[in-house]
PDB file of N, CA and C in Angstrom:
ATOM      1  N   MET A   1      23.507   5.787 -14.011  1.00  0.00           N
ATOM      2  CA  MET A   1      22.467   6.773 -13.782  1.00  0.00           C
ATOM      3  C   MET A   1      21.109   6.083 -13.654  1.00  0.00           C
ATOM      4  N   ASN A   2      20.921   5.400 -12.573  1.00  0.00           N
ATOM      5  CA  ASN A   2      19.669   4.711 -12.322  1.00  0.00           C
ATOM      6  C   ASN A   2      18.658   5.590 -11.608  1.00  0.00           C
ATOM      7  N   ASP A   3      19.015   6.801 -11.299  1.00  0.00           N
ATOM      8  CA  ASP A   3      18.128   7.699 -10.561  1.00  0.00           C
ATOM      9  C   ASP A   3      17.142   8.372 -11.488  1.00  0.00           C
ATOM     10  N   ARG A   4      16.122   7.661 -11.823  1.00  0.00           N
ATOM     11  CA  ARG A   4      15.059   8.235 -12.648  1.00  0.00           C
ATOM     12  C   ARG A   4      14.071   8.939 -11.726  1.00  0.00           C
ATOM     13  N   PRO A   5      13.259   9.807 -12.245  1.00  0.00           N
ATOM     14  CA  PRO A   5      12.279  10.509 -11.404  1.00  0.00           C
ATOM     15  C   PRO A   5      11.358   9.555 -10.639  1.00  0.00           C
ATOM     16  N   ASP A   6      10.948   8.448 -11.263  1.00  0.00           N
ATOM     17  CA  ASP A   6      10.092   7.483 -10.573  1.00  0.00           C
ATOM     18  C   ASP A   6      10.809   6.868  -9.375  1.00  0.00           C
ATOM     19  N   ASP A   7      12.086   6.566  -9.527  1.00  0.00           N
ATOM     20  CA  ASP A   7      12.862   5.977  -8.439  1.00  0.00           C
ATOM     21  C   ASP A   7      12.975   6.937  -7.272  1.00  0.00           C
ATOM     22  N   THR A   8      13.216   8.201  -7.557  1.00  0.00           N
ATOM     23  CA  THR A   8      13.350   9.165  -6.465  1.00  0.00           C
ATOM     24  C   THR A   8      12.009   9.391  -5.781  1.00  0.00           C
ATOM     25  N   LYS A   9      10.915   9.358  -6.542  1.00  0.00           N
ATOM     26  CA  LYS A   9       9.594   9.503  -5.927  1.00  0.00           C
ATOM     27  C   LYS A   9       9.295   8.322  -5.018  1.00  0.00           C
ATOM     28  N   LYS A  10       9.645   7.126  -5.475  1.00  0.00           N
ATOM     29  CA  LYS A  10       9.432   5.938  -4.658  1.00  0.00           C
ATOM     30  C   LYS A  10      10.281   6.002  -3.398  1.00  0.00           C
ATOM     31  N   GLN A  11      11.524   6.429  -3.553  1.00  0.00           N
ATOM     32  CA  GLN A  11      12.426   6.534  -2.409  1.00  0.00           C
ATOM     33  C   GLN A  11      11.914   7.570  -1.422  1.00  0.00           C
ATOM     34  N   ASP A  12      11.446   8.715  -1.918  1.00  0.00           N
ATOM     35  CA  ASP A  12      10.908   9.752  -1.042  1.00  0.00           C
ATOM     36  C   ASP A  12       9.676   9.257  -0.300  1.00  0.00           C
ATOM     37  N   ALA A  13       8.809   8.537  -0.996  1.00  0.00           N
ATOM     38  CA  ALA A  13       7.603   8.006  -0.368  1.00  0.00           C
ATOM     39  C   ALA A  13       7.969   6.989   0.711  1.00  0.00           C
ATOM     40  N   ARG A  14       8.954   6.164   0.436  1.00  0.00           N
ATOM     41  CA  ARG A  14       9.398   5.171   1.414  1.00  0.00           C
ATOM     42  C   ARG A  14       9.966   5.858   2.654  1.00  0.00           C
ATOM     43  N   GLU A  15      10.810   6.853   2.437  1.00  0.00           N
ATOM     44  CA  GLU A  15      11.398   7.571   3.561  1.00  0.00           C
ATOM     45  C   GLU A  15      10.322   8.261   4.397  1.00  0.00           C
ATOM     46  N   GLU A  16       9.319   8.824   3.736  1.00  0.00           N
ATOM     47  CA  GLU A  16       8.226   9.478   4.459  1.00  0.00           C
ATOM     48  C   GLU A  16       7.441   8.464   5.290  1.00  0.00           C
ATOM     49  N   ARG A  17       7.191   7.280   4.724  1.00  0.00           N
ATOM     50  CA  ARG A  17       6.501   6.229   5.479  1.00  0.00           C
ATOM     51  C   ARG A  17       7.318   5.805   6.687  1.00  0.00           C
ATOM     52  N   LEU A  18       8.626   5.666   6.498  1.00  0.00           N
ATOM     53  CA  LEU A  18       9.495   5.284   7.608  1.00  0.00           C
ATOM     54  C   LEU A  18       9.516   6.362   8.691  1.00  0.00           C
ATOM     55  N   ARG A  19       9.593   7.612   8.278  1.00  0.00           N
ATOM     56  CA  ARG A  19       9.557   8.719   9.251  1.00  0.00           C
ATOM     57  C   ARG A  19       8.264   8.689  10.056  1.00  0.00           C
ATOM     58  N   ALA A  20       7.144   8.486   9.364  1.00  0.00           N
ATOM     59  CA  ALA A  20       5.847   8.449  10.039  1.00  0.00           C
ATOM     60  C   ALA A  20       5.775   7.274  11.013  1.00  0.00           C
ATOM     61  N   ALA A  21       6.294   6.132  10.607  1.00  0.00           N
ATOM     62  CA  ALA A  21       6.280   4.961  11.478  1.00  0.00           C
ATOM     63  C   ALA A  21       7.159   5.188  12.707  1.00  0.00           C
ATOM     64  N   LEU A  22       8.320   5.795  12.506  1.00  0.00           N
ATOM     65  CA  LEU A  22       9.205   6.077  13.634  1.00  0.00           C
ATOM     66  C   LEU A  22       8.579   7.082  14.596  1.00  0.00           C
ATOM     67  N   ARG A  23       7.919   8.102  14.036  1.00  0.00           N
ATOM     68  CA  ARG A  23       7.227   9.082  14.880  1.00  0.00           C
ATOM     69  C   ARG A  23       6.134   8.424  15.706  1.00  0.00           C
ATOM     70  N   ALA A  24       5.335   7.576  15.065  1.00  0.00           N
ATOM     71  CA  ALA A  24       4.245   6.889  15.765  1.00  0.00           C
ATOM     72  C   ALA A  24       4.800   5.981  16.855  1.00  0.00           C
ATOM     73  N   ASN A  25       5.890   5.274  16.555  1.00  0.00           N
ATOM     74  CA  ASN A  25       6.512   4.394  17.531  1.00  0.00           C
ATOM     75  C   ASN A  25       7.029   5.194  18.722  1.00  0.00           C
ATOM     76  N   LEU A  26       7.675   6.297  18.458  1.00  0.00           N
ATOM     77  CA  LEU A  26       8.194   7.130  19.535  1.00  0.00           C
ATOM     78  C   LEU A  26       7.065   7.659  20.404  1.00  0.00           C
ATOM     79  N   GLN A  27       5.994   8.126  19.786  1.00  0.00           N
ATOM     80  CA  GLN A  27       4.850   8.637  20.547  1.00  0.00           C
ATOM     81  C   GLN A  27       4.237   7.529  21.405  1.00  0.00           C
ATOM     82  N   ARG A  28       4.123   6.328  20.847  1.00  0.00           N
ATOM     83  CA  ARG A  28       3.564   5.212  21.602  1.00  0.00           C
ATOM     84  C   ARG A  28       4.448   4.867  22.787  1.00  0.00           C
ATOM     85  N   ARG A  29       5.767   4.832  22.566  1.00  0.00           N
ATOM     86  CA  ARG A  29       6.686   4.505  23.658  1.00  0.00           C
ATOM     87  C   ARG A  29       6.671   5.575  24.742  1.00  0.00           C
ATOM     88  N   LYS A  30       6.573   6.835  24.351  1.00  0.00           N
ATOM     89  CA  LYS A  30       6.489   7.914  25.337  1.00  0.00           C
ATOM     90  C   LYS A  30       5.206   7.794  26.146  1.00  0.00           C
ATOM     91  N   ALA A  31       4.098   7.478  25.485  1.00  0.00           N
ATOM     92  CA  ALA A  31       2.822   7.314  26.183  1.00  0.00           C
ATOM     93  C   ALA A  31       2.905   6.147  27.164  1.00  0.00           C
ATOM     94  N   GLN A  32       3.538   5.061  26.762  1.00  0.00           N
ATOM     95  CA  GLN A  32       3.699   3.919  27.652  1.00  0.00           C
ATOM     96  C   GLN A  32       4.561   4.293  28.857  1.00  0.00           C
ATOM     97  N   ALA A  33       5.629   5.029  28.618  1.00  0.00           N
ATOM     98  CA  ALA A  33       6.510   5.444  29.710  1.00  0.00           C
ATOM     99  C   ALA A  33       5.769   6.372  30.673  1.00  0.00           C
ATOM    100  N   ARG A  34       4.966   7.282  30.128  1.00  0.00           N
ATOM    101  CA  ARG A  34       4.185   8.172  30.996  1.00  0.00           C
ATOM    102  C   ARG A  34       3.176   7.377  31.825  1.00  0.00           C
ATOM    103  N   ALA A  35       2.546   6.395  31.212  1.00  0.00           N
ATOM    104  CA  ALA A  35       1.570   5.571  31.935  1.00  0.00           C
ATOM    105  C   ALA A  35       2.248   4.776  33.039  1.00  0.00           C
ATOM    106  N   ARG A  36       3.420   4.219  32.737  1.00  0.00           N
ATOM    107  CA  ARG A  36       4.147   3.476  33.772  1.00  0.00           C
ATOM    108  C   ARG A  36       4.566   4.391  34.907  1.00  0.00           C
ATOM    109  N   ALA A  37       5.014   5.592  34.574  1.00  0.00           N
ATOM    110  CA  ALA A  37       5.444   6.536  35.601  1.00  0.00           C
ATOM    111  C   ALA A  37       4.255   6.946  36.475  1.00  0.00           C
ATOM    112  N   ALA A  38       3.092   7.114  35.871  1.00  0.00           N
ATOM    113  CA  ALA A  38       1.904   7.494  36.624  1.00  0.00           C
ATOM    114  C   ALA A  38       1.462   6.365  37.550  1.00  0.00           C
ATOM    115  N   ASP A  39       1.682   5.112  37.134  1.00  0.00           N
ATOM    116  CA  ASP A  39       1.314   3.963  37.957  1.00  0.00           C
ATOM    117  C   ASP A  39       2.357   3.685  39.035  1.00  0.00           C
ATOM    118  N   GLY A  40       3.518   4.282  38.910  1.00  0.00           N
ATOM    119  CA  GLY A  40       4.600   4.009  39.842  1.00  0.00           C
ATOM    120  C   GLY A  40       5.346   2.740  39.494  1.00  0.00           C
ATOM    121  N   ASN A  41       5.073   2.185  38.344  1.00  0.00           N
ATOM    122  CA  ASN A  41       5.733   0.971  37.881  1.00  0.00           C
ATOM    123  C   ASN A  41       6.648   1.352  36.724  1.00  0.00           C
ATOM    124  N   ASP A  42       7.924   1.034  36.866  1.00  0.00           N
ATOM    125  CA  ASP A  42       8.862   1.407  35.801  1.00  0.00           C
ATOM    126  C   ASP A  42       8.985   0.323  34.731  1.00  0.00           C
ATOM    127  N   GLY A  43       8.196  -0.757  34.853  1.00  0.00           N
ATOM    128  CA  GLY A  43       8.188  -1.781  33.835  1.00  0.00           C
ATOM    129  C   GLY A  43       9.240  -2.855  34.018  1.00  0.00           C
ATOM    130  N   ARG A  44      10.050  -2.722  35.051  1.00  0.00           N
ATOM    131  CA  ARG A  44      11.083  -3.723  35.293  1.00  0.00           C
ATOM    132  C   ARG A  44      10.561  -4.782  36.259  1.00  0.00           C
ATOM    133  N   ASP A  45      10.995  -5.992  36.061  1.00  0.00           N
ATOM    134  CA  ASP A  45      10.653  -7.081  36.954  1.00  0.00           C
ATOM    135  C   ASP A  45      11.755  -7.170  38.002  1.00  0.00           C
ATOM    136  N   ASP A  46      11.417  -6.809  39.242  1.00  0.00           N
ATOM    137  CA  ASP A  46      12.441  -6.811  40.273  1.00  0.00           C
ATOM    138  C   ASP A  46      12.462  -8.122  41.041  1.00  0.00           C
ATOM    139  N   GLY A  47      11.704  -9.124  40.599  1.00  0.00           N
ATOM    140  CA  GLY A  47      11.734 -10.421  41.222  1.00  0.00           C
ATOM    141  C   GLY A  47      10.731 -10.586  42.344  1.00  0.00           C
ATOM    142  N   GLU A  48      10.079  -9.556  42.759  1.00  0.00           N
ATOM    143  CA  GLU A  48       9.105  -9.671  43.833  1.00  0.00           C
ATOM    144  C   GLU A  48       7.787 -10.176  43.262  1.00  0.00           C
ATOM    145  N   THR A  49       7.269 -11.213  43.918  1.00  0.00           N
ATOM    146  CA  THR A  49       6.023 -11.817  43.450  1.00  0.00           C
ATOM    147  C   THR A  49       4.849 -11.430  44.326  1.00  0.00           C
ATOM    148  N   GLY A  50       5.134 -10.877  45.494  1.00  0.00           N
ATOM    149  CA  GLY A  50       4.062 -10.542  46.423  1.00  0.00           C
ATOM    150  C   GLY A  50       3.735 -11.690  47.346  1.00  0.00           C
ATOM    151  N   LYS A  51       4.406 -12.834  47.167  1.00  0.00           N
ATOM    152  CA  LYS A  51       4.185 -13.988  48.031  1.00  0.00           C
ATOM    153  C   LYS A  51       5.197 -13.962  49.174  1.00  0.00           C
ATOM    154  N   ASP A  52       4.762 -14.469  50.305  1.00  0.00           N
ATOM    155  CA  ASP A  52       5.641 -14.555  51.472  1.00  0.00           C
ATOM    156  C   ASP A  52       6.501 -15.788  51.341  1.00  0.00           C
ATOM    157  N   ASP A  53       7.824 -15.638  51.396  1.00  0.00           N
ATOM    158  CA  ASP A  53       8.746 -16.756  51.227  1.00  0.00           C
ATOM    159  C   ASP A  53       9.039 -17.515  52.506  1.00  0.00           C
ATOM    160  N   SER A  54       8.386 -17.196  53.613  1.00  0.00           N
ATOM    161  CA  SER A  54       8.730 -17.885  54.860  1.00  0.00           C
ATOM    162  C   SER A  54       8.054 -19.195  55.034  1.00  0.00           C
TER     163      SER A  54
END
C-alpha cells in the first residue's frame, strides 16, 4: 500500500503536466501543418534543388 495521498497528488500533477505538454505539442504541430499547407509546401524534400542539371 504505497499509494499515500501525497503520491497520488504527485502522480495527478505529473499527468496534468504531461497532458498540457501533449496538447501544446499537438497545437504547435497543427499550426505548422496549416502554415505548410498555406505555403503550398508539404515539408517533404522531393530532391529538387531548383538548379538546372543540364
